[in-house]
Amino acid sequence: MAGDKITGGVNGLEKASILMMSLDEEVASKIFAMMTEDEIRRISHCMSTLGKVDTQQVENLVSEFSDEITTGRSIIGDLSSAKKILTKALGADKVDSIMGDISGPMGKDTWDRLNNVDADLLAAYLKNEYPQTVALILSKIKTSHAAKVLSILPEDFSIEVVRRMIKLEPVKREILGDLEKILQSEFMTSLSQAKKIDTLETIAEIFNNFDRSTESKFFDMLDKKDPTISQKIRDLMFTFEDLLKILPAGIQAIIRAADKNKLPIALKGANDEIKNLFFSNMSERASKLLKEEIQGLGPVRISDVDEAQMSVVMTAKQLADNGEIVIPEGNEEQEQMIE
């Protein structure tokens, strides 16, 4: 806790933070410049909460890295000290962003910041928690990030988390607050309010962000444990094949907005019906050029096709969110309109 004298043993992150605080600012800034942004965030957060570290402890820690003691001064780790060193290494603009992430209520929301935690690191932390706790955490972060974390977690554990997410009820603010405090001690320092969770839609969004093999694996496991829920998730998902449900005007809008580098790859792995859907909604010249580009691609990895198709799907969903096209829900198909 800031202001308190550190005593007893310290962990690796604290050792690194104390060492960085004990170095000359110019030297520390050069070391920071060689770190990843995630490493900088973790060390900066620790530096800002060190409190007072006495001379003897600094000397003991420095001696682990060098035979000769380079400094003998006491240090006080706080936000101001951390910001001063970081500014030399990274510049004011980038430092403001990093310090905003660790400086409390004026920074980003707890759950937004959790999206910046490395998926492997977050999965390693969550695998030791109760499935219900993990379900709540994953329901609060971005579905794309939750998908990465779920795919890393042990299979039996991850499918149990999915089942718990489906059955989640609105969480009391007090319970969510307690959970946030626990997360803050690991990753961040701010609070947020509880929000009602649309669990099935969240799960469907997460599944939408899986690659094809991971999605198939999860559905196979879920089909065995709860086929009814599995079907409900499928009904809510919007896949590349579901583009067939969109009216021609909507497809034309997607063609205009889609990444021109991704579209040929996406169609390379598509069935003839979807290819014809796109070709028929383009001019003859544009259609011919696209066909030639697809043919010229040569062999394409399935993972690249999956990524490209997901990019087109995300474009469609963004257009739908903006009210520019309509995406039918579930198995519903749009009816042609008569002007």
Foldseek 3Di string as FASTA:
>chain_A
DAQDEDDDDDDPLLLVLLQLQQDDLVVSLVVVLPDDLVNLLSSLLSLQRNHKYAQVVSQVSVCVVPVDRPDRHIGGRRNVSSLVSNCSNPNDVVSVLSSLQAVEASHDALQAQVLVPDLVVVLVVPLPDDLLLLLVSLLSHDLLSSLSNLLPHDVVSSLSSLVNLCVDFFDQQVVQQVSSVVVCVPTYHYHDGTDGGNRLLSVLSNLLNHFPVSNVVSLVVCCVVPVVSSLSSVLQHDFLVLCVQWDLQLLLVLVVQADPVLVLLLVLPDDPVSLVSNLVSDPVVVSVVSVVVNVVPPDDDSRSNRVSRSRSVVSSVVCVVVVNTDRDGGPDGDDDDDD
